Amino acid sequence: MYIVEGNIGVGKSTFIRLINKLDSSIGIVPEPVENWTGKEYGQSLLAEFYKNPSRWAYTLETLAMMSRVKNHLLETKNSNPFRLMERSVYSGHYCFAKNDKQNKYLSSLEWQIYNSWIDFMIRKKLTPPLGFIYLQAKPEICYDRVVCRNRKSEKELSLDYMKQIHNWHERFLVKKEDLFENIKNAPVLVLDCNEDFLNNKDKIKKHTENIKAFMFQTTSCTQQPTKTLSK
């Protein structure tokens, strides 16, 4: 299993769909965003978070963590390693929850409870992925894409917030700061996604080739030290 990470609006859902269309041997697992953007719980928790983060941060992060852990455990049992899972419990923690903590959206008690669950899940229950694929783009470009897609749940989303999330992704996947030991050596493929890939067949084809090469390299060298790669 490989995990596709990146800022809000970078195009993760579109990206994995196009990869799968070009090469059906690469399976995909979309992020369960309907759990927190739809009406399953009577309201869009994501929209509520953007309006009032201090009230909804703990609720949203806990629900997202539960959903992503379930997906991760299911994918660990899949016999096909060549699968792309959109976002993960790792970025949920290292990018979004840590940003909530820094902005004081989470109380000390909420952070302690949330962190105890994360520590238990990541260190003791979850098998690390074979690698991460980081769709890297400037937060300004991601913000423009968010504005263009015009989702109701993202009406209150600000560029400042997206800059914060971008910085956390850089710390997590490029600098690898303060990570749990069991994922520190997970290989990372960084793909430049500043250029639109939706309407550029050559670009998405090149991304697909890079991903396939990364998959073959990491599945054959899982016991060797790995470094962050860039394409």
C-alpha atoms as a PDB file:
ATOM      1  CA  MET A   1       0.000   0.000   0.000  1.00  0.00           C
ATOM      2  CA  TYR A   2       1.165   3.505  -0.918  1.00  0.00           C
ATOM      3  CA  ILE A   3      -0.343   6.681   0.477  1.00  0.00           C
ATOM      4  CA  VAL A   4      -0.986   9.799  -1.595  1.00  0.00           C
ATOM      5  CA  GLU A   5      -0.634  12.960   0.473  1.00  0.00           C
ATOM      6  CA  GLY A   6      -0.876  16.665  -0.255  1.00  0.00           C
ATOM      7  CA  ASN A   7      -2.548  19.922   0.654  1.00  0.00           C
ATOM      8  CA  ILE A   8      -6.254  20.619   0.344  1.00  0.00           C
ATOM      9  CA  GLY A   9      -7.049  21.348  -3.287  1.00  0.00           C
ATOM     10  CA  VAL A  10      -3.878  19.874  -4.763  1.00  0.00           C
ATOM     11  CA  GLY A  11      -6.030  17.351  -6.638  1.00  0.00           C
ATOM     12  CA  LYS A  12      -5.513  14.038  -4.832  1.00  0.00           C
ATOM     13  CA  SER A  13      -8.901  12.549  -5.785  1.00  0.00           C
ATOM     14  CA  THR A  14      -8.507  13.510  -9.442  1.00  0.00           C
ATOM     15  CA  PHE A  15      -4.899  12.338  -9.418  1.00  0.00           C
ATOM     16  CA  ILE A  16      -5.539   8.793  -8.211  1.00  0.00           C
ATOM     17  CA  ARG A  17      -8.536   8.453 -10.549  1.00  0.00           C
ATOM     18  CA  LEU A  18      -6.411   9.449 -13.574  1.00  0.00           C
ATOM     19  CA  ILE A  19      -3.579   7.117 -12.510  1.00  0.00           C
ATOM     20  CA  ASN A  20      -6.005   4.218 -12.244  1.00  0.00           C
ATOM     21  CA  LYS A  21      -7.496   5.093 -15.641  1.00  0.00           C
ATOM     22  CA  LEU A  22      -4.054   4.989 -17.256  1.00  0.00           C
ATOM     23  CA  ASP A  23      -3.002   1.806 -15.451  1.00  0.00           C
ATOM     24  CA  SER A  24      -5.785  -0.311 -13.954  1.00  0.00           C
ATOM     25  CA  SER A  25      -3.224  -2.559 -12.229  1.00  0.00           C
ATOM     26  CA  ILE A  26      -2.748   0.275  -9.738  1.00  0.00           C
ATOM     27  CA  GLY A  27      -5.703   0.110  -7.370  1.00  0.00           C
ATOM     28  CA  ILE A  28      -7.072   3.178  -5.599  1.00  0.00           C
ATOM     29  CA  VAL A  29      -8.705   3.854  -2.236  1.00  0.00           C
ATOM     30  CA  PRO A  30     -10.438   7.267  -2.136  1.00  0.00           C
ATOM     31  CA  GLU A  31     -10.495   9.271   1.076  1.00  0.00           C
ATOM     32  CA  PRO A  32     -13.812   8.752   2.962  1.00  0.00           C
ATOM     33  CA  VAL A  33     -14.583  12.488   2.930  1.00  0.00           C
ATOM     34  CA  GLU A  34     -18.320  11.835   2.895  1.00  0.00           C
ATOM     35  CA  ASN A  35     -17.980  10.853   6.553  1.00  0.00           C
ATOM     36  CA  TRP A  36     -17.269  14.443   7.543  1.00  0.00           C
ATOM     37  CA  THR A  37     -18.610  16.517   4.622  1.00  0.00           C
ATOM     38  CA  GLY A  38     -21.992  14.854   4.113  1.00  0.00           C
ATOM     39  CA  LYS A  39     -25.085  14.433   6.203  1.00  0.00           C
ATOM     40  CA  GLU A  40     -24.256  11.094   7.796  1.00  0.00           C
ATOM     41  CA  TYR A  41     -23.996  12.806  11.183  1.00  0.00           C
ATOM     42  CA  GLY A  42     -26.697  15.378  10.505  1.00  0.00           C
ATOM     43  CA  GLN A  43     -24.304  18.115   9.371  1.00  0.00           C
ATOM     44  CA  SER A  44     -21.049  18.773   7.559  1.00  0.00           C
ATOM     45  CA  LEU A  45     -18.426  18.612  10.291  1.00  0.00           C
ATOM     46  CA  LEU A  46     -15.836  20.032   7.905  1.00  0.00           C
ATOM     47  CA  ALA A  47     -17.938  23.124   7.191  1.00  0.00           C
ATOM     48  CA  GLU A  48     -18.603  23.560  10.900  1.00  0.00           C
ATOM     49  CA  PHE A  49     -14.872  23.297  11.618  1.00  0.00           C
ATOM     50  CA  TYR A  50     -13.998  26.065   9.164  1.00  0.00           C
ATOM     51  CA  LYS A  51     -16.631  28.295  10.777  1.00  0.00           C
ATOM     52  CA  ASN A  52     -15.721  27.531  14.392  1.00  0.00           C
ATOM     53  CA  PRO A  53     -12.485  25.495  14.650  1.00  0.00           C
ATOM     54  CA  SER A  54     -12.167  25.674  18.438  1.00  0.00           C
ATOM     55  CA  ARG A  55     -15.581  24.056  18.845  1.00  0.00           C
ATOM     56  CA  TRP A  56     -15.258  21.362  16.181  1.00  0.00           C
ATOM     57  CA  ALA A  57     -11.547  20.487  15.882  1.00  0.00           C
ATOM     58  CA  TYR A  58     -11.586  17.580  18.333  1.00  0.00           C
ATOM     59  CA  THR A  59     -14.801  16.121  16.887  1.00  0.00           C
ATOM     60  CA  LEU A  60     -13.548  16.357  13.309  1.00  0.00           C
ATOM     61  CA  GLU A  61     -10.056  15.015  13.976  1.00  0.00           C
ATOM     62  CA  THR A  62     -11.368  12.103  16.019  1.00  0.00           C
ATOM     63  CA  LEU A  63     -13.852  11.094  13.320  1.00  0.00           C
ATOM     64  CA  ALA A  64     -11.245  11.462  10.573  1.00  0.00           C
ATOM     65  CA  MET A  65      -8.776   9.367  12.575  1.00  0.00           C
ATOM     66  CA  MET A  66     -11.322   6.584  13.061  1.00  0.00           C
ATOM     67  CA  SER A  67     -12.249   6.526   9.364  1.00  0.00           C
ATOM     68  CA  ARG A  68      -8.642   6.504   8.185  1.00  0.00           C
ATOM     69  CA  VAL A  69      -7.577   3.811  10.638  1.00  0.00           C
ATOM     70  CA  LYS A  70     -10.397   1.564   9.387  1.00  0.00           C
ATOM     71  CA  ASN A  71      -9.274   2.094   5.781  1.00  0.00           C
ATOM     72  CA  HIS A  72      -5.647   1.465   6.690  1.00  0.00           C
ATOM     73  CA  LEU A  73      -6.393  -1.803   8.473  1.00  0.00           C
ATOM     74  CA  LEU A  74      -8.485  -3.031   5.539  1.00  0.00           C
ATOM     75  CA  GLU A  75      -5.786  -2.143   3.011  1.00  0.00           C
ATOM     76  CA  THR A  76      -3.088  -3.873   5.043  1.00  0.00           C
ATOM     77  CA  LYS A  77      -4.912  -7.146   4.362  1.00  0.00           C
ATOM     78  CA  ASN A  78      -5.022  -6.576   0.592  1.00  0.00           C
ATOM     79  CA  SER A  79      -2.668  -8.876  -1.306  1.00  0.00           C
ATOM     80  CA  ASN A  80      -1.966  -6.300  -4.030  1.00  0.00           C
ATOM     81  CA  PRO A  81       0.770  -3.905  -2.818  1.00  0.00           C
ATOM     82  CA  PHE A  82       0.303  -1.624  -5.829  1.00  0.00           C
ATOM     83  CA  ARG A  83      -2.524   0.410  -4.397  1.00  0.00           C
ATOM     84  CA  LEU A  84      -2.853   4.147  -3.792  1.00  0.00           C
ATOM     85  CA  MET A  85      -4.723   5.254  -0.696  1.00  0.00           C
ATOM     86  CA  GLU A  86      -5.776   8.889  -0.618  1.00  0.00           C
ATOM     87  CA  ARG A  87      -4.509  10.601   2.533  1.00  0.00           C
ATOM     88  CA  SER A  88      -3.955   8.817   5.839  1.00  0.00           C
ATOM     89  CA  VAL A  89      -4.021   8.813   9.594  1.00  0.00           C
ATOM     90  CA  TYR A  90      -0.420  10.070   9.400  1.00  0.00           C
ATOM     91  CA  SER A  91      -1.166  13.359   7.646  1.00  0.00           C
ATOM     92  CA  GLY A  92      -4.305  13.637   9.754  1.00  0.00           C
ATOM     93  CA  HIS A  93      -2.014  13.731  12.766  1.00  0.00           C
ATOM     94  CA  TYR A  94       1.176  15.400  11.510  1.00  0.00           C
ATOM     95  CA  CYS A  95      -0.533  18.083   9.410  1.00  0.00           C
ATOM     96  CA  PHE A  96      -4.084  18.751  10.546  1.00  0.00           C
ATOM     97  CA  ALA A  97      -4.209  17.822  14.228  1.00  0.00           C
ATOM     98  CA  LYS A  98      -0.808  19.367  14.939  1.00  0.00           C
ATOM     99  CA  ASN A  99      -1.960  22.534  13.221  1.00  0.00           C
ATOM    100  CA  ASP A 100      -5.063  22.523  15.429  1.00  0.00           C
ATOM    101  CA  LYS A 101      -2.864  22.215  18.485  1.00  0.00           C
ATOM    102  CA  GLN A 102      -0.551  25.024  17.383  1.00  0.00           C
ATOM    103  CA  ASN A 103      -3.552  27.302  16.771  1.00  0.00           C
ATOM    104  CA  LYS A 104      -5.046  26.290  20.126  1.00  0.00           C
ATOM    105  CA  TYR A 105      -8.168  24.861  18.526  1.00  0.00           C
ATOM    106  CA  LEU A 106      -7.680  21.843  20.803  1.00  0.00           C
ATOM    107  CA  SER A 107      -7.615  22.122  24.572  1.00  0.00           C
ATOM    108  CA  SER A 108      -4.803  20.460  26.508  1.00  0.00           C
ATOM    109  CA  LEU A 109      -7.161  17.670  27.562  1.00  0.00           C
ATOM    110  CA  GLU A 110      -8.474  17.116  24.020  1.00  0.00           C
ATOM    111  CA  TRP A 111      -4.932  16.936  22.674  1.00  0.00           C
ATOM    112  CA  GLN A 112      -3.912  14.485  25.392  1.00  0.00           C
ATOM    113  CA  ILE A 113      -6.843  12.160  24.639  1.00  0.00           C
ATOM    114  CA  TYR A 114      -6.421  12.407  20.864  1.00  0.00           C
ATOM    115  CA  ASN A 115      -2.655  11.909  21.093  1.00  0.00           C
ATOM    116  CA  SER A 116      -2.984   8.817  23.276  1.00  0.00           C
ATOM    117  CA  TRP A 117      -5.120   7.183  20.581  1.00  0.00           C
ATOM    118  CA  ILE A 118      -2.706   8.225  17.830  1.00  0.00           C
ATOM    119  CA  ASP A 119       0.251   6.871  19.755  1.00  0.00           C
ATOM    120  CA  PHE A 120      -1.512   3.542  20.256  1.00  0.00           C
ATOM    121  CA  MET A 121      -2.631   3.257  16.612  1.00  0.00           C
ATOM    122  CA  ILE A 122       0.547   4.344  14.841  1.00  0.00           C
ATOM    123  CA  ARG A 123       3.088   2.639  17.080  1.00  0.00           C
ATOM    124  CA  LYS A 124       1.220  -0.551  17.951  1.00  0.00           C
ATOM    125  CA  LYS A 125      -1.585  -1.293  15.487  1.00  0.00           C
ATOM    126  CA  LEU A 126      -0.814   0.060  12.014  1.00  0.00           C
ATOM    127  CA  THR A 127       1.674  -1.441   9.585  1.00  0.00           C
ATOM    128  CA  PRO A 128       3.591   1.400   7.901  1.00  0.00           C
ATOM    129  CA  PRO A 129       2.904   1.906   4.177  1.00  0.00           C
ATOM    130  CA  LEU A 130       5.425   0.862   1.559  1.00  0.00           C
ATOM    131  CA  GLY A 131       5.832   4.538   0.743  1.00  0.00           C
ATOM    132  CA  PHE A 132       4.297   7.995   0.520  1.00  0.00           C
ATOM    133  CA  ILE A 133       3.601   9.929  -2.674  1.00  0.00           C
ATOM    134  CA  TYR A 134       3.577  13.636  -1.926  1.00  0.00           C
ATOM    135  CA  LEU A 135       1.716  15.840  -4.405  1.00  0.00           C
ATOM    136  CA  GLN A 136       3.558  19.087  -3.781  1.00  0.00           C
ATOM    137  CA  ALA A 137       2.185  22.447  -4.920  1.00  0.00           C
ATOM    138  CA  LYS A 138       2.251  26.046  -3.758  1.00  0.00           C
ATOM    139  CA  PRO A 139      -0.588  26.817  -1.322  1.00  0.00           C
ATOM    140  CA  GLU A 140      -1.701  29.720  -3.534  1.00  0.00           C
ATOM    141  CA  ILE A 141      -2.231  27.321  -6.437  1.00  0.00           C
ATOM    142  CA  CYS A 142      -4.103  24.877  -4.205  1.00  0.00           C
ATOM    143  CA  TYR A 143      -6.295  27.703  -2.932  1.00  0.00           C
ATOM    144  CA  ASP A 144      -7.181  28.748  -6.494  1.00  0.00           C
ATOM    145  CA  ARG A 145      -8.203  25.153  -7.228  1.00  0.00           C
ATOM    146  CA  VAL A 146     -10.377  25.086  -4.103  1.00  0.00           C
ATOM    147  CA  VAL A 147     -12.096  28.298  -5.224  1.00  0.00           C
ATOM    148  CA  CYS A 148     -12.683  26.836  -8.692  1.00  0.00           C
ATOM    149  CA  ARG A 149     -14.218  23.588  -7.438  1.00  0.00           C
ATOM    150  CA  ASN A 150     -16.556  25.635  -5.229  1.00  0.00           C
ATOM    151  CA  ARG A 151     -17.513  23.063  -2.607  1.00  0.00           C
ATOM    152  CA  LYS A 152     -20.088  24.199  -0.091  1.00  0.00           C
ATOM    153  CA  SER A 153     -18.124  22.740   2.837  1.00  0.00           C
ATOM    154  CA  GLU A 154     -15.064  24.837   1.907  1.00  0.00           C
ATOM    155  CA  LYS A 155     -16.680  28.273   1.696  1.00  0.00           C
ATOM    156  CA  GLU A 156     -14.927  29.429   4.887  1.00  0.00           C
ATOM    157  CA  LEU A 157     -11.525  27.993   3.954  1.00  0.00           C
ATOM    158  CA  SER A 158      -8.775  30.638   3.965  1.00  0.00           C
ATOM    159  CA  LEU A 159      -5.464  30.926   2.146  1.00  0.00           C
ATOM    160  CA  ASP A 160      -3.718  31.469   5.483  1.00  0.00           C
ATOM    161  CA  TYR A 161      -4.997  28.109   6.747  1.00  0.00           C
ATOM    162  CA  MET A 162      -3.814  26.394   3.559  1.00  0.00           C
ATOM    163  CA  LYS A 163      -0.356  27.940   3.954  1.00  0.00           C
ATOM    164  CA  GLN A 164      -0.214  26.448   7.444  1.00  0.00           C
ATOM    165  CA  ILE A 165      -1.220  23.000   6.187  1.00  0.00           C
ATOM    166  CA  HIS A 166       1.352  23.241   3.385  1.00  0.00           C
ATOM    167  CA  ASN A 167       4.105  23.935   5.910  1.00  0.00           C
ATOM    168  CA  TRP A 168       3.074  20.933   8.002  1.00  0.00           C
ATOM    169  CA  HIS A 169       3.200  18.678   4.931  1.00  0.00           C
ATOM    170  CA  GLU A 170       6.732  19.916   4.232  1.00  0.00           C
ATOM    171  CA  ARG A 171       7.773  19.160   7.804  1.00  0.00           C
ATOM    172  CA  PHE A 172       6.155  15.721   7.663  1.00  0.00           C
ATOM    173  CA  LEU A 173       7.187  14.439   4.219  1.00  0.00           C
ATOM    174  CA  VAL A 174      10.268  16.439   3.228  1.00  0.00           C
ATOM    175  CA  LYS A 175      12.030  17.337   6.468  1.00  0.00           C
ATOM    176  CA  LYS A 176      10.585  14.349   8.376  1.00  0.00           C
ATOM    177  CA  GLU A 177      10.454  16.212  11.675  1.00  0.00           C
ATOM    178  CA  ASP A 178       9.329  14.575  14.931  1.00  0.00           C
ATOM    179  CA  LEU A 179       7.973  11.392  13.351  1.00  0.00           C
ATOM    180  CA  PHE A 180       7.285   8.084  15.051  1.00  0.00           C
ATOM    181  CA  GLU A 181      10.279   5.809  14.589  1.00  0.00           C
ATOM    182  CA  ASN A 182       8.352   3.211  12.610  1.00  0.00           C
ATOM    183  CA  ILE A 183       7.617   5.590   9.721  1.00  0.00           C
ATOM    184  CA  LYS A 184      10.767   7.728   9.696  1.00  0.00           C
ATOM    185  CA  ASN A 185      12.366   5.554   7.026  1.00  0.00           C
ATOM    186  CA  ALA A 186       9.278   5.204   4.855  1.00  0.00           C
ATOM    187  CA  PRO A 187      10.312   6.292   1.334  1.00  0.00           C
ATOM    188  CA  VAL A 188       8.733   9.420  -0.125  1.00  0.00           C
ATOM    189  CA  LEU A 189       8.234  10.289  -3.791  1.00  0.00           C
ATOM    190  CA  VAL A 190       7.724  14.033  -4.238  1.00  0.00           C
ATOM    191  CA  LEU A 191       5.843  15.017  -7.387  1.00  0.00           C
ATOM    192  CA  ASP A 192       5.652  18.626  -8.567  1.00  0.00           C
ATOM    193  CA  CYS A 193       1.927  19.283  -9.016  1.00  0.00           C
ATOM    194  CA  ASN A 194       2.003  23.039  -9.531  1.00  0.00           C
ATOM    195  CA  GLU A 195       1.213  22.455 -13.190  1.00  0.00           C
ATOM    196  CA  ASP A 196      -2.313  21.305 -13.995  1.00  0.00           C
ATOM    197  CA  PHE A 197      -2.402  17.565 -14.694  1.00  0.00           C
ATOM    198  CA  LEU A 198      -6.143  17.190 -15.282  1.00  0.00           C
ATOM    199  CA  ASN A 199      -5.956  18.526 -18.834  1.00  0.00           C
ATOM    200  CA  ASN A 200      -2.362  17.535 -19.549  1.00  0.00           C
ATOM    201  CA  LYS A 201      -2.085  13.930 -20.709  1.00  0.00           C
ATOM    202  CA  ASP A 202       1.710  14.039 -20.956  1.00  0.00           C
ATOM    203  CA  LYS A 203       2.015  15.308 -17.382  1.00  0.00           C
ATOM    204  CA  ILE A 204      -0.195  12.634 -15.832  1.00  0.00           C
ATOM    205  CA  LYS A 205       1.507   9.977 -17.957  1.00  0.00           C
ATOM    206  CA  LYS A 206       4.884  11.087 -16.603  1.00  0.00           C
ATOM    207  CA  HIS A 207       3.534  11.022 -13.042  1.00  0.00           C
ATOM    208  CA  THR A 208       2.264   7.475 -13.645  1.00  0.00           C
ATOM    209  CA  GLU A 209       5.655   6.342 -14.915  1.00  0.00           C
ATOM    210  CA  ASN A 210       7.382   7.863 -11.883  1.00  0.00           C
ATOM    211  CA  ILE A 211       4.951   6.172  -9.511  1.00  0.00           C
ATOM    212  CA  LYS A 212       5.398   2.769 -11.140  1.00  0.00           C
ATOM    213  CA  ALA A 213       9.187   3.098 -10.964  1.00  0.00           C
ATOM    214  CA  PHE A 214       8.915   4.148  -7.316  1.00  0.00           C
ATOM    215  CA  MET A 215       6.688   1.169  -6.524  1.00  0.00           C
ATOM    216  CA  PHE A 216       8.996  -1.349  -8.155  1.00  0.00           C
ATOM    217  CA  GLN A 217      12.031   0.196  -6.447  1.00  0.00           C
ATOM    218  CA  THR A 218      10.498   0.184  -2.976  1.00  0.00           C
ATOM    219  CA  THR A 219       8.918  -3.265  -3.148  1.00  0.00           C
ATOM    220  CA  SER A 220      12.268  -4.771  -4.174  1.00  0.00           C
ATOM    221  CA  CYS A 221      14.323  -2.784  -1.630  1.00  0.00           C
ATOM    222  CA  THR A 222      12.116  -2.750   1.436  1.00  0.00           C
ATOM    223  CA  GLN A 223      14.970  -3.734   3.738  1.00  0.00           C
ATOM    224  CA  GLN A 224      17.380  -1.060   2.525  1.00  0.00           C
ATOM    225  CA  PRO A 225      17.717   2.511   3.800  1.00  0.00           C
ATOM    226  CA  THR A 226      15.607   4.926   1.761  1.00  0.00           C
ATOM    227  CA  LYS A 227      15.748   8.574   0.908  1.00  0.00           C
ATOM    228  CA  THR A 228      13.237  11.178  -0.196  1.00  0.00           C
ATOM    229  CA  LEU A 229      13.017  11.308  -3.991  1.00  0.00           C
ATOM    230  CA  SER A 230      11.907  14.182  -6.194  1.00  0.00           C
ATOM    231  CA  LYS A 231      10.541  14.187  -9.719  1.00  0.00           C
END
